N, C-alpha and C. Protein backbone atom coordinates (compact mmCIF):
# COMPACT_ATOMS: atom_id res chain seq x y z
N MET A 1 0.86 -1.17 0.00
CA MET A 1 0.00 0.00 0.00
C MET A 1 0.90 1.23 0.00
N SER A 2 0.56 2.19 -0.79
CA SER A 2 1.38 3.39 -0.89
C SER A 2 1.13 4.29 0.31
N ASP A 3 2.10 5.18 0.54
CA ASP A 3 1.96 6.14 1.63
C ASP A 3 0.74 7.04 1.43
N ILE A 4 0.46 7.41 0.20
CA ILE A 4 -0.68 8.29 -0.06
C ILE A 4 -1.99 7.57 0.23
N THR A 5 -2.07 6.31 -0.12
CA THR A 5 -3.28 5.53 0.17
C THR A 5 -3.50 5.42 1.66
N ALA A 6 -2.45 5.12 2.39
CA ALA A 6 -2.55 5.00 3.86
C ALA A 6 -2.94 6.33 4.48
N ALA A 7 -2.37 7.41 4.01
CA ALA A 7 -2.67 8.73 4.57
C ALA A 7 -4.12 9.12 4.30
N ILE A 8 -4.58 8.90 3.08
CA ILE A 8 -5.96 9.22 2.73
C ILE A 8 -6.92 8.36 3.55
N ALA A 9 -6.63 7.07 3.62
CA ALA A 9 -7.49 6.15 4.36
C ALA A 9 -7.56 6.53 5.83
N ASP A 10 -6.43 6.89 6.41
CA ASP A 10 -6.41 7.27 7.82
C ASP A 10 -7.18 8.56 8.06
N ASP A 11 -7.02 9.54 7.18
CA ASP A 11 -7.78 10.79 7.30
C ASP A 11 -9.29 10.52 7.22
N LEU A 12 -9.68 9.69 6.27
CA LEU A 12 -11.09 9.35 6.14
C LEU A 12 -11.60 8.58 7.35
N ALA A 13 -10.78 7.68 7.87
CA ALA A 13 -11.17 6.91 9.06
C ALA A 13 -11.38 7.83 10.25
N ARG A 14 -10.44 8.73 10.46
CA ARG A 14 -10.55 9.66 11.58
C ARG A 14 -11.81 10.51 11.46
N GLU A 15 -12.04 11.07 10.29
CA GLU A 15 -13.22 11.92 10.08
C GLU A 15 -14.51 11.12 10.22
N THR A 16 -14.53 9.91 9.68
CA THR A 16 -15.72 9.07 9.74
C THR A 16 -16.05 8.68 11.18
N LEU A 17 -15.03 8.27 11.94
CA LEU A 17 -15.26 7.89 13.33
C LEU A 17 -15.75 9.07 14.16
N GLU A 18 -15.21 10.25 13.92
CA GLU A 18 -15.66 11.44 14.63
C GLU A 18 -17.12 11.75 14.32
N LEU A 19 -17.46 11.71 13.02
CA LEU A 19 -18.83 12.02 12.63
C LEU A 19 -19.79 10.94 13.12
N ALA A 20 -19.39 9.69 13.06
CA ALA A 20 -20.24 8.60 13.55
C ALA A 20 -20.54 8.80 15.04
N ALA A 21 -19.54 9.22 15.80
CA ALA A 21 -19.76 9.48 17.23
C ALA A 21 -20.70 10.66 17.43
N GLU A 22 -20.51 11.73 16.66
CA GLU A 22 -21.37 12.91 16.78
C GLU A 22 -22.81 12.59 16.42
N LEU A 23 -22.99 11.78 15.39
CA LEU A 23 -24.33 11.45 14.91
C LEU A 23 -24.96 10.28 15.67
N GLY A 24 -24.12 9.51 16.36
CA GLY A 24 -24.61 8.29 16.98
C GLY A 24 -25.00 7.25 15.94
N ASP A 25 -24.27 7.24 14.83
CA ASP A 25 -24.59 6.38 13.69
C ASP A 25 -23.55 5.27 13.56
N ASP A 26 -23.89 4.09 14.03
CA ASP A 26 -22.98 2.96 13.98
C ASP A 26 -22.78 2.41 12.58
N ASP A 27 -23.64 2.76 11.65
CA ASP A 27 -23.56 2.25 10.28
C ASP A 27 -22.69 3.11 9.36
N LEU A 28 -22.28 4.28 9.84
CA LEU A 28 -21.56 5.21 8.97
C LEU A 28 -20.26 4.62 8.43
N VAL A 29 -19.51 3.91 9.25
CA VAL A 29 -18.25 3.32 8.79
C VAL A 29 -18.50 2.37 7.62
N ALA A 30 -19.50 1.50 7.75
CA ALA A 30 -19.81 0.55 6.68
C ALA A 30 -20.26 1.27 5.41
N GLU A 31 -21.04 2.32 5.58
CA GLU A 31 -21.52 3.08 4.43
C GLU A 31 -20.37 3.76 3.69
N VAL A 32 -19.46 4.37 4.45
CA VAL A 32 -18.31 5.03 3.82
C VAL A 32 -17.41 3.98 3.16
N ALA A 33 -17.22 2.85 3.82
CA ALA A 33 -16.41 1.78 3.23
C ALA A 33 -16.99 1.32 1.90
N LYS A 34 -18.31 1.23 1.83
CA LYS A 34 -18.97 0.83 0.58
C LYS A 34 -18.72 1.85 -0.52
N VAL A 35 -18.82 3.13 -0.18
CA VAL A 35 -18.57 4.20 -1.16
C VAL A 35 -17.13 4.14 -1.65
N ILE A 36 -16.19 3.96 -0.72
CA ILE A 36 -14.78 3.88 -1.10
C ILE A 36 -14.54 2.66 -1.97
N GLY A 37 -15.11 1.53 -1.58
CA GLY A 37 -14.91 0.28 -2.31
C GLY A 37 -15.41 0.32 -3.74
N ALA A 38 -16.39 1.16 -4.01
CA ALA A 38 -16.88 1.29 -5.38
C ALA A 38 -15.82 1.86 -6.31
N GLY A 39 -14.87 2.59 -5.72
CA GLY A 39 -13.81 3.19 -6.54
C GLY A 39 -12.47 2.51 -6.39
N SER A 40 -12.20 1.98 -5.20
CA SER A 40 -10.89 1.39 -4.96
C SER A 40 -10.95 0.42 -3.78
N THR A 41 -10.85 -0.86 -4.08
CA THR A 41 -10.85 -1.84 -2.99
C THR A 41 -9.60 -1.73 -2.15
N THR A 42 -8.50 -1.31 -2.73
CA THR A 42 -7.26 -1.12 -1.98
C THR A 42 -7.45 -0.04 -0.92
N THR A 43 -8.04 1.07 -1.32
CA THR A 43 -8.30 2.16 -0.37
C THR A 43 -9.33 1.74 0.66
N GLN A 44 -10.32 0.97 0.25
CA GLN A 44 -11.32 0.46 1.18
C GLN A 44 -10.67 -0.40 2.27
N GLU A 45 -9.78 -1.29 1.88
CA GLU A 45 -9.08 -2.14 2.84
C GLU A 45 -8.24 -1.30 3.79
N ALA A 46 -7.56 -0.30 3.25
CA ALA A 46 -6.74 0.58 4.08
C ALA A 46 -7.61 1.38 5.05
N PHE A 47 -8.76 1.83 4.58
CA PHE A 47 -9.71 2.56 5.42
C PHE A 47 -10.19 1.69 6.58
N LEU A 48 -10.61 0.48 6.28
CA LEU A 48 -11.11 -0.42 7.32
C LEU A 48 -10.01 -0.78 8.31
N THR A 49 -8.79 -0.93 7.83
CA THR A 49 -7.67 -1.19 8.74
C THR A 49 -7.44 0.01 9.65
N ALA A 50 -7.48 1.21 9.09
CA ALA A 50 -7.31 2.43 9.89
C ALA A 50 -8.42 2.56 10.92
N VAL A 51 -9.65 2.22 10.54
CA VAL A 51 -10.77 2.26 11.49
C VAL A 51 -10.50 1.30 12.64
N ARG A 52 -10.08 0.08 12.32
CA ARG A 52 -9.80 -0.91 13.38
C ARG A 52 -8.69 -0.43 14.30
N ILE A 53 -7.64 0.13 13.72
CA ILE A 53 -6.51 0.62 14.53
C ILE A 53 -6.96 1.75 15.44
N ARG A 54 -7.69 2.71 14.91
CA ARG A 54 -8.14 3.86 15.71
C ARG A 54 -9.16 3.43 16.77
N THR A 55 -10.01 2.49 16.45
CA THR A 55 -10.97 1.98 17.43
C THR A 55 -10.24 1.25 18.56
N ALA A 56 -9.28 0.42 18.19
CA ALA A 56 -8.49 -0.29 19.20
C ALA A 56 -7.71 0.68 20.07
N GLU A 57 -7.15 1.71 19.46
CA GLU A 57 -6.41 2.72 20.23
C GLU A 57 -7.33 3.41 21.24
N ALA A 58 -8.52 3.80 20.80
CA ALA A 58 -9.46 4.48 21.69
C ALA A 58 -9.84 3.59 22.86
N ARG A 59 -10.08 2.31 22.59
CA ARG A 59 -10.41 1.38 23.67
C ARG A 59 -9.25 1.23 24.65
N ALA A 60 -8.06 1.11 24.12
CA ALA A 60 -6.88 0.95 24.98
C ALA A 60 -6.65 2.20 25.82
N ARG A 61 -6.79 3.36 25.23
CA ARG A 61 -6.61 4.61 25.99
C ARG A 61 -7.67 4.76 27.08
N SER A 62 -8.89 4.36 26.79
CA SER A 62 -9.96 4.40 27.78
C SER A 62 -9.65 3.43 28.92
N TYR A 63 -9.18 2.26 28.59
CA TYR A 63 -8.81 1.28 29.60
C TYR A 63 -7.69 1.81 30.49
N LEU A 64 -6.68 2.39 29.87
CA LEU A 64 -5.56 2.94 30.65
C LEU A 64 -6.02 4.08 31.55
N ALA A 65 -6.91 4.93 31.05
CA ALA A 65 -7.45 6.03 31.86
C ALA A 65 -8.23 5.49 33.05
N ASP A 66 -9.00 4.45 32.83
CA ASP A 66 -9.75 3.82 33.92
C ASP A 66 -8.81 3.23 34.96
N ARG A 67 -7.77 2.56 34.50
CA ARG A 67 -6.80 1.96 35.43
C ARG A 67 -6.06 3.05 36.21
N ARG A 68 -5.70 4.12 35.51
CA ARG A 68 -5.02 5.24 36.15
C ARG A 68 -5.91 5.86 37.22
N ALA A 69 -7.17 6.07 36.89
CA ALA A 69 -8.12 6.66 37.85
C ALA A 69 -8.35 5.73 39.04
N ALA A 70 -8.45 4.44 38.77
CA ALA A 70 -8.65 3.47 39.85
C ALA A 70 -7.47 3.44 40.82
N ALA A 71 -6.29 3.75 40.30
CA ALA A 71 -5.08 3.76 41.12
C ALA A 71 -4.86 5.12 41.77
N GLY A 72 -5.74 6.08 41.47
CA GLY A 72 -5.62 7.40 42.05
C GLY A 72 -4.50 8.23 41.45
N LEU A 73 -4.11 7.90 40.24
CA LEU A 73 -3.05 8.64 39.54
C LEU A 73 -3.65 9.71 38.65
N GLU A 74 -2.89 10.75 38.40
CA GLU A 74 -3.34 11.82 37.51
C GLU A 74 -2.66 11.72 36.16
N GLY A 75 -3.30 12.36 35.17
CA GLY A 75 -2.68 12.56 33.87
C GLY A 75 -2.23 11.28 33.21
N GLY A 76 -1.30 11.50 32.25
CA GLY A 76 -0.79 10.31 31.61
C GLY A 76 -0.38 10.48 30.24
């Protein structure tokens, strides 16, 4: 995958996840992936990978924040 494909896919993933959260629309990622896939399956795969990475990161950061708070620690 080229650097440009990864960069575009990551930008789209970030924007899509933010909008999905604002709208409360769990289907938005799938809908955007379908639109992307109509033009480029390579970009679609990169987009879905970026979504998974960003979702996993958010879950991990939330978990760490919870653990930090449970331990009475600040910041991080």
